[in-house]
């Protein structure tokens, strides 16, 4: 059993080793190691940019919430 398995697996292993060859060139065109590119300008964003302070309120009835947000103010459904 082992000999049969070994005889079947050995050609597959040898074929995989020879087919690998040289790996493809996957480096991007603009490498960070290229000094000709220079330094890209960055813009600083704060963590809290766009934050709006909201205070907690008591829950309202859901029908009143839906009617106030419906197109047309909840008329004619």
PDB file of N, CA and C in Angstrom:
ATOM      1  N   UNK A   1       0.823  -1.195   0.000  1.00  0.00           N
ATOM      2  CA  UNK A   1       0.000   0.000   0.000  1.00  0.00           C
ATOM      3  C   UNK A   1       0.866   1.257   0.000  1.00  0.00           C
ATOM      4  N   UNK A   2       1.902   1.248   0.863  1.00  0.00           N
ATOM      5  CA  UNK A   2       2.793   2.402   0.949  1.00  0.00           C
ATOM      6  C   UNK A   2       3.549   2.607  -0.360  1.00  0.00           C
ATOM      7  N   UNK A   3       3.986   1.495  -0.980  1.00  0.00           N
ATOM      8  CA  UNK A   3       4.727   1.613  -2.232  1.00  0.00           C
ATOM      9  C   UNK A   3       3.853   2.195  -3.348  1.00  0.00           C
ATOM     10  N   UNK A   4       2.613   1.809  -3.374  1.00  0.00           N
ATOM     11  CA  UNK A   4       1.704   2.324  -4.401  1.00  0.00           C
ATOM     12  C   UNK A   4       1.465   3.812  -4.191  1.00  0.00           C
ATOM     13  N   UNK A   5       1.236   4.191  -2.953  1.00  0.00           N
ATOM     14  CA  UNK A   5       1.027   5.601  -2.645  1.00  0.00           C
ATOM     15  C   UNK A   5       2.280   6.416  -2.939  1.00  0.00           C
ATOM     16  N   UNK A   6       3.441   5.887  -2.576  1.00  0.00           N
ATOM     17  CA  UNK A   6       4.706   6.564  -2.833  1.00  0.00           C
ATOM     18  C   UNK A   6       4.957   6.695  -4.333  1.00  0.00           C
ATOM     19  N   UNK A   7       4.660   5.646  -5.095  1.00  0.00           N
ATOM     20  CA  UNK A   7       4.864   5.669  -6.547  1.00  0.00           C
ATOM     21  C   UNK A   7       3.937   6.674  -7.218  1.00  0.00           C
ATOM     22  N   UNK A   8       2.769   6.885  -6.655  1.00  0.00           N
ATOM     23  CA  UNK A   8       1.845   7.842  -7.255  1.00  0.00           C
ATOM     24  C   UNK A   8       2.178   9.272  -6.831  1.00  0.00           C
ATOM     25  N   UNK A   9       2.668   9.457  -5.622  1.00  0.00           N
ATOM     26  CA  UNK A   9       2.931  10.793  -5.109  1.00  0.00           C
ATOM     27  C   UNK A   9       4.270  11.359  -5.567  1.00  0.00           C
ATOM     28  N   UNK A  10       5.255  10.539  -5.817  1.00  0.00           N
ATOM     29  CA  UNK A  10       6.586  11.019  -6.188  1.00  0.00           C
ATOM     30  C   UNK A  10       6.590  11.801  -7.505  1.00  0.00           C
ATOM     31  N   UNK A  11       5.957  11.331  -8.566  1.00  0.00           N
ATOM     32  CA  UNK A  11       5.944  12.155  -9.790  1.00  0.00           C
ATOM     33  C   UNK A  11       5.208  13.480  -9.617  1.00  0.00           C
ATOM     34  N   UNK A  12       4.161  13.471  -8.811  1.00  0.00           N
ATOM     35  CA  UNK A  12       3.449  14.719  -8.560  1.00  0.00           C
ATOM     36  C   UNK A  12       4.322  15.707  -7.802  1.00  0.00           C
ATOM     37  N   UNK A  13       5.076  15.228  -6.833  1.00  0.00           N
ATOM     38  CA  UNK A  13       5.957  16.107  -6.068  1.00  0.00           C
ATOM     39  C   UNK A  13       7.076  16.654  -6.949  1.00  0.00           C
ATOM     40  N   UNK A  14       7.647  15.827  -7.779  1.00  0.00           N
ATOM     41  CA  UNK A  14       8.708  16.293  -8.678  1.00  0.00           C
ATOM     42  C   UNK A  14       8.168  17.286  -9.711  1.00  0.00           C
ATOM     43  N   UNK A  15       6.970  17.060 -10.201  1.00  0.00           N
ATOM     44  CA  UNK A  15       6.384  17.981 -11.176  1.00  0.00           C
ATOM     45  C   UNK A  15       6.086  19.336 -10.533  1.00  0.00           C
ATOM     46  N   UNK A  16       5.680  19.329  -9.286  1.00  0.00           N
ATOM     47  CA  UNK A  16       5.398  20.588  -8.595  1.00  0.00           C
ATOM     48  C   UNK A  16       6.676  21.386  -8.378  1.00  0.00           C
ATOM     49  N   UNK A  17       7.770  20.705  -8.110  1.00  0.00           N
ATOM     50  CA  UNK A  17       9.032  21.411  -7.887  1.00  0.00           C
ATOM     51  C   UNK A  17       9.569  22.023  -9.177  1.00  0.00           C
ATOM     52  N   UNK A  18       9.419  21.344 -10.287  1.00  0.00           N
ATOM     53  CA  UNK A  18       9.972  21.861 -11.537  1.00  0.00           C
ATOM     54  C   UNK A  18       9.075  22.919 -12.164  1.00  0.00           C
ATOM     55  N   UNK A  19       7.777  22.885 -11.912  1.00  0.00           N
ATOM     56  CA  UNK A  19       6.861  23.833 -12.527  1.00  0.00           C
ATOM     57  C   UNK A  19       6.873  25.183 -11.824  1.00  0.00           C
ATOM     58  N   UNK A  20       7.408  25.241 -10.613  1.00  0.00           N
ATOM     59  CA  UNK A  20       7.370  26.490  -9.853  1.00  0.00           C
ATOM     60  C   UNK A  20       8.137  27.591 -10.587  1.00  0.00           C
ATOM     61  N   UNK A  21       9.327  27.315 -11.013  1.00  0.00           N
ATOM     62  CA  UNK A  21      10.099  28.307 -11.754  1.00  0.00           C
ATOM     63  C   UNK A  21      10.333  29.570 -10.945  1.00  0.00           C
ATOM     64  N   UNK A  22      10.407  30.691 -11.651  1.00  0.00           N
ATOM     65  CA  UNK A  22      10.636  31.978 -11.008  1.00  0.00           C
ATOM     66  C   UNK A  22       9.293  32.655 -10.736  1.00  0.00           C
ATOM     67  N   UNK A  23       9.089  33.207  -9.547  1.00  0.00           N
ATOM     68  CA  UNK A  23       7.812  33.851  -9.261  1.00  0.00           C
ATOM     69  C   UNK A  23       7.631  35.127 -10.090  1.00  0.00           C
ATOM     70  N   UNK A  24       6.393  35.478 -10.314  1.00  0.00           N
ATOM     71  CA  UNK A  24       6.073  36.669 -11.109  1.00  0.00           C
ATOM     72  C   UNK A  24       6.487  37.923 -10.355  1.00  0.00           C
ATOM     73  N   UNK A  25       6.759  38.973 -11.116  1.00  0.00           N
ATOM     74  CA  UNK A  25       7.133  40.250 -10.518  1.00  0.00           C
ATOM     75  C   UNK A  25       5.869  40.939 -10.022  1.00  0.00           C
ATOM     76  N   UNK A  26       5.717  41.037  -8.702  1.00  0.00           N
ATOM     77  CA  UNK A  26       4.492  41.589  -8.138  1.00  0.00           C
ATOM     78  C   UNK A  26       4.724  42.950  -7.487  1.00  0.00           C
ATOM     79  N   UNK A  27       5.877  43.529  -7.656  1.00  0.00           N
ATOM     80  CA  UNK A  27       6.157  44.836  -7.071  1.00  0.00           C
ATOM     81  C   UNK A  27       5.374  45.914  -7.819  1.00  0.00           C
ATOM     82  N   UNK A  28       4.848  46.896  -7.116  1.00  0.00           N
ATOM     83  CA  UNK A  28       4.118  47.967  -7.793  1.00  0.00           C
ATOM     84  C   UNK A  28       5.074  48.863  -8.574  1.00  0.00           C
ATOM     85  N   UNK A  29       4.507  49.639  -9.491  1.00  0.00           N
ATOM     86  CA  UNK A  29       5.331  50.540 -10.300  1.00  0.00           C
ATOM     87  C   UNK A  29       5.975  51.632  -9.455  1.00  0.00           C
ATOM     88  N   UNK A  30       5.278  52.100  -8.434  1.00  0.00           N
ATOM     89  CA  UNK A  30       5.832  53.152  -7.584  1.00  0.00           C
ATOM     90  C   UNK A  30       6.214  52.547  -6.227  1.00  0.00           C
ATOM     91  N   UNK A  31       7.416  52.065  -6.157  1.00  0.00           N
ATOM     92  CA  UNK A  31       7.920  51.428  -4.949  1.00  0.00           C
ATOM     93  C   UNK A  31       8.268  52.478  -3.898  1.00  0.00           C
ATOM     94  N   UNK A  32       7.988  52.223  -2.620  1.00  0.00           N
ATOM     95  CA  UNK A  32       8.362  53.168  -1.582  1.00  0.00           C
ATOM     96  C   UNK A  32       9.875  53.327  -1.449  1.00  0.00           C
ATOM     97  N   UNK A  33      10.628  52.384  -1.970  1.00  0.00           N
ATOM     98  CA  UNK A  33      12.075  52.463  -1.895  1.00  0.00           C
ATOM     99  C   UNK A  33      12.680  53.311  -3.016  1.00  0.00           C
ATOM    100  N   UNK A  34      11.868  53.774  -3.961  1.00  0.00           N
ATOM    101  CA  UNK A  34      12.372  54.561  -5.077  1.00  0.00           C
ATOM    102  C   UNK A  34      12.524  56.020  -4.647  1.00  0.00           C
ATOM    103  N   UNK A  35      13.754  56.564  -4.608  1.00  0.00           N
ATOM    104  CA  UNK A  35      13.950  57.943  -4.154  1.00  0.00           C
ATOM    105  C   UNK A  35      13.473  58.988  -5.162  1.00  0.00           C
ATOM    106  N   UNK A  36      13.222  58.607  -6.400  1.00  0.00           N
ATOM    107  CA  UNK A  36      12.807  59.572  -7.410  1.00  0.00           C
ATOM    108  C   UNK A  36      11.352  59.996  -7.229  1.00  0.00           C
ATOM    109  N   UNK A  37      10.573  59.231  -6.498  1.00  0.00           N
ATOM    110  CA  UNK A  37       9.155  59.541  -6.329  1.00  0.00           C
ATOM    111  C   UNK A  37       8.968  60.744  -5.418  1.00  0.00           C
ATOM    112  N   UNK A  38       9.730  60.832  -4.361  1.00  0.00           N
ATOM    113  CA  UNK A  38       9.608  61.942  -3.430  1.00  0.00           C
ATOM    114  C   UNK A  38       8.627  61.620  -2.312  1.00  0.00           C
ATOM    115  N   UNK A  39       8.270  62.658  -1.588  1.00  0.00           N
ATOM    116  CA  UNK A  39       7.384  62.480  -0.445  1.00  0.00           C
ATOM    117  C   UNK A  39       6.003  63.019  -0.797  1.00  0.00           C
ATOM    118  N   UNK A  40       4.998  62.233  -0.528  1.00  0.00           N
ATOM    119  CA  UNK A  40       3.628  62.629  -0.810  1.00  0.00           C
ATOM    120  C   UNK A  40       3.121  63.531   0.307  1.00  0.00           C
ATOM    121  N   UNK A  41       2.417  64.576  -0.070  1.00  0.00           N
ATOM    122  CA  UNK A  41       1.877  65.458   0.951  1.00  0.00           C
ATOM    123  C   UNK A  41       0.667  64.789   1.602  1.00  0.00           C
ATOM    124  N   UNK A  42       0.552  64.961   2.908  1.00  0.00           N
ATOM    125  CA  UNK A  42      -0.549  64.361   3.640  1.00  0.00           C
ATOM    126  C   UNK A  42      -1.373  65.456   4.291  1.00  0.00           C
ATOM    127  N   UNK A  43      -2.593  65.111   4.631  1.00  0.00           N
ATOM    128  CA  UNK A  43      -3.492  66.045   5.288  1.00  0.00           C
ATOM    129  C   UNK A  43      -3.887  65.440   6.622  1.00  0.00           C
ATOM    130  N   UNK A  44      -3.759  66.191   7.680  1.00  0.00           N
ATOM    131  CA  UNK A  44      -4.058  65.688   9.016  1.00  0.00           C
ATOM    132  C   UNK A  44      -5.551  65.763   9.293  1.00  0.00           C
ATOM    133  N   UNK A  45      -6.129  64.667   9.740  1.00  0.00           N
ATOM    134  CA  UNK A  45      -7.529  64.616  10.157  1.00  0.00           C
ATOM    135  C   UNK A  45      -7.565  64.248  11.628  1.00  0.00           C
ATOM    136  N   UNK A  46      -8.322  65.002  12.402  1.00  0.00           N
ATOM    137  CA  UNK A  46      -8.456  64.655  13.805  1.00  0.00           C
ATOM    138  C   UNK A  46      -9.418  63.483  13.956  1.00  0.00           C
ATOM    139  N   UNK A  47      -9.302  62.798  15.062  1.00  0.00           N
ATOM    140  CA  UNK A  47     -10.151  61.649  15.326  1.00  0.00           C
ATOM    141  C   UNK A  47     -11.601  62.083  15.508  1.00  0.00           C
ATOM    142  N   UNK A  48     -11.806  63.234  16.081  1.00  0.00           N
ATOM    143  CA  UNK A  48     -13.153  63.700  16.392  1.00  0.00           C
ATOM    144  C   UNK A  48     -13.743  64.612  15.314  1.00  0.00           C
ATOM    145  N   UNK A  49     -13.187  64.614  14.114  1.00  0.00           N
ATOM    146  CA  UNK A  49     -13.693  65.465  13.050  1.00  0.00           C
ATOM    147  C   UNK A  49     -15.100  65.018  12.660  1.00  0.00           C
ATOM    148  N   UNK A  50     -16.031  65.958  12.625  1.00  0.00           N
ATOM    149  CA  UNK A  50     -17.397  65.649  12.266  1.00  0.00           C
ATOM    150  C   UNK A  50     -18.249  65.184  13.435  1.00  0.00           C
ATOM    151  N   UNK A  51     -17.715  65.205  14.634  1.00  0.00           N
ATOM    152  CA  UNK A  51     -18.463  64.764  15.814  1.00  0.00           C
ATOM    153  C   UNK A  51     -19.470  65.832  16.233  1.00  0.00           C
ATOM    154  N   UNK A  52     -20.678  65.409  16.518  1.00  0.00           N
ATOM    155  CA  UNK A  52     -21.714  66.302  17.011  1.00  0.00           C
ATOM    156  C   UNK A  52     -22.174  65.790  18.363  1.00  0.00           C
ATOM    157  N   UNK A  53     -22.122  66.637  19.365  1.00  0.00           N
ATOM    158  CA  UNK A  53     -22.540  66.228  20.701  1.00  0.00           C
ATOM    159  C   UNK A  53     -24.061  66.156  20.774  1.00  0.00           C
ATOM    160  N   UNK A  54     -24.550  65.029  21.257  1.00  0.00           N
ATOM    161  CA  UNK A  54     -25.994  64.850  21.421  1.00  0.00           C
ATOM    162  C   UNK A  54     -26.252  64.381  22.835  1.00  0.00           C
ATOM    163  N   UNK A  55     -27.297  64.917  23.435  1.00  0.00           N
ATOM    164  CA  UNK A  55     -27.640  64.522  24.796  1.00  0.00           C
ATOM    165  C   UNK A  55     -28.708  63.438  24.741  1.00  0.00           C
ATOM    166  N   UNK A  56     -28.739  62.622  25.763  1.00  0.00           N
ATOM    167  CA  UNK A  56     -29.728  61.551  25.833  1.00  0.00           C
ATOM    168  C   UNK A  56     -31.102  62.140  26.132  1.00  0.00           C
ATOM    169  N   UNK A  57     -32.123  61.596  25.484  1.00  0.00           N
ATOM    170  CA  UNK A  57     -33.501  62.042  25.704  1.00  0.00           C
ATOM    171  C   UNK A  57     -34.371  60.819  26.003  1.00  0.00           C
ATOM    172  N   UNK A  58     -35.535  61.073  26.521  1.00  0.00           N
ATOM    173  CA  UNK A  58     -36.478  59.994  26.791  1.00  0.00           C
ATOM    174  C   UNK A  58     -37.047  59.474  25.477  1.00  0.00           C
ATOM    175  N   UNK A  59     -37.336  58.188  25.394  1.00  0.00           N
ATOM    176  CA  UNK A  59     -37.905  57.665  24.157  1.00  0.00           C
ATOM    177  C   UNK A  59     -39.328  58.195  23.929  1.00  0.00           C
ATOM    178  N   UNK A  60     -39.662  58.396  22.666  1.00  0.00           N
ATOM    179  CA  UNK A  60     -40.989  58.853  22.287  1.00  0.00           C
ATOM    180  C   UNK A  60     -41.762  57.683  21.691  1.00  0.00           C
ATOM    181  N   UNK A  61     -43.060  57.791  21.570  1.00  0.00           N
ATOM    182  CA  UNK A  61     -43.830  56.716  20.931  1.00  0.00           C
ATOM    183  C   UNK A  61     -43.368  56.504  19.493  1.00  0.00           C
ATOM    184  N   UNK A  62     -43.311  55.264  19.055  1.00  0.00           N
ATOM    185  CA  UNK A  62     -42.747  54.958  17.738  1.00  0.00           C
ATOM    186  C   UNK A  62     -43.602  55.517  16.614  1.00  0.00           C
ATOM    187  N   UNK A  63     -44.919  55.581  16.751  1.00  0.00           N
ATOM    188  CA  UNK A  63     -45.760  56.104  15.676  1.00  0.00           C
ATOM    189  C   UNK A  63     -45.490  57.588  15.449  1.00  0.00           C
ATOM    190  N   UNK A  64     -45.286  58.330  16.518  1.00  0.00           N
ATOM    191  CA  UNK A  64     -44.965  59.753  16.391  1.00  0.00           C
ATOM    192  C   UNK A  64     -43.608  59.922  15.707  1.00  0.00           C
ATOM    193  N   UNK A  65     -42.642  59.061  16.017  1.00  0.00           N
ATOM    194  CA  UNK A  65     -41.321  59.124  15.371  1.00  0.00           C
ATOM    195  C   UNK A  65     -41.449  58.849  13.874  1.00  0.00           C
ATOM    196  N   UNK A  66     -42.214  57.825  13.512  1.00  0.00           N
ATOM    197  CA  UNK A  66     -42.368  57.491  12.093  1.00  0.00           C
ATOM    198  C   UNK A  66     -43.089  58.591  11.338  1.00  0.00           C
ATOM    199  N   UNK A  67     -44.139  59.120  11.929  1.00  0.00           N
ATOM    200  CA  UNK A  67     -44.897  60.174  11.245  1.00  0.00           C
ATOM    201  C   UNK A  67     -44.078  61.442  11.070  1.00  0.00           C
ATOM    202  N   UNK A  68     -43.209  61.754  12.012  1.00  0.00           N
ATOM    203  CA  UNK A  68     -42.409  62.975  11.894  1.00  0.00           C
ATOM    204  C   UNK A  68     -41.309  62.833  10.836  1.00  0.00           C
ATOM    205  N   UNK A  69     -40.877  61.603  10.524  1.00  0.00           N
ATOM    206  CA  UNK A  69     -39.810  61.404   9.561  1.00  0.00           C
ATOM    207  C   UNK A  69     -40.318  60.987   8.190  1.00  0.00           C
ATOM    208  N   UNK A  70     -41.602  60.725   8.065  1.00  0.00           N
ATOM    209  CA  UNK A  70     -42.158  60.279   6.787  1.00  0.00           C
ATOM    210  C   UNK A  70     -42.187  61.435   5.786  1.00  0.00           C
ATOM    211  N   UNK A  71     -42.043  61.125   4.484  1.00  0.00           N
ATOM    212  CA  UNK A  71     -42.155  62.178   3.478  1.00  0.00           C
ATOM    213  C   UNK A  71     -43.533  62.823   3.554  1.00  0.00           C
ATOM    214  N   UNK A  72     -43.585  64.108   3.533  1.00  0.00           N
ATOM    215  CA  UNK A  72     -44.865  64.820   3.626  1.00  0.00           C
ATOM    216  C   UNK A  72     -45.375  64.926   5.042  1.00  0.00           C
ATOM    217  N   UNK A  73     -44.539  64.624   6.022  1.00  0.00           N
ATOM    218  CA  UNK A  73     -44.949  64.737   7.428  1.00  0.00           C
ATOM    219  C   UNK A  73     -45.913  63.666   7.868  1.00  0.00           C
ATOM    220  N   UNK A  74     -46.025  62.534   7.144  1.00  0.00           N
ATOM    221  CA  UNK A  74     -46.894  61.442   7.542  1.00  0.00           C
ATOM    222  C   UNK A  74     -48.308  61.591   7.025  1.00  0.00           C
ATOM    223  N   UNK A  75     -48.534  62.493   6.075  1.00  0.00           N
ATOM    224  CA  UNK A  75     -49.886  62.680   5.526  1.00  0.00           C
ATOM    225  C   UNK A  75     -50.190  61.622   4.466  1.00  0.00           C
ATOM    226  N   UNK A  76     -51.427  61.201   4.420  1.00  0.00           N
ATOM    227  CA  UNK A  76     -51.942  60.356   3.333  1.00  0.00           C
ATOM    228  C   UNK A  76     -51.315  59.003   3.174  1.00  0.00           C
ATOM    229  N   UNK A  77     -51.252  58.218   4.212  1.00  0.00           N
ATOM    230  CA  UNK A  77     -50.717  56.870   4.016  1.00  0.00           C
ATOM    231  C   UNK A  77     -51.805  55.881   3.752  1.00  0.00           C
TER     232      UNK A  77
END
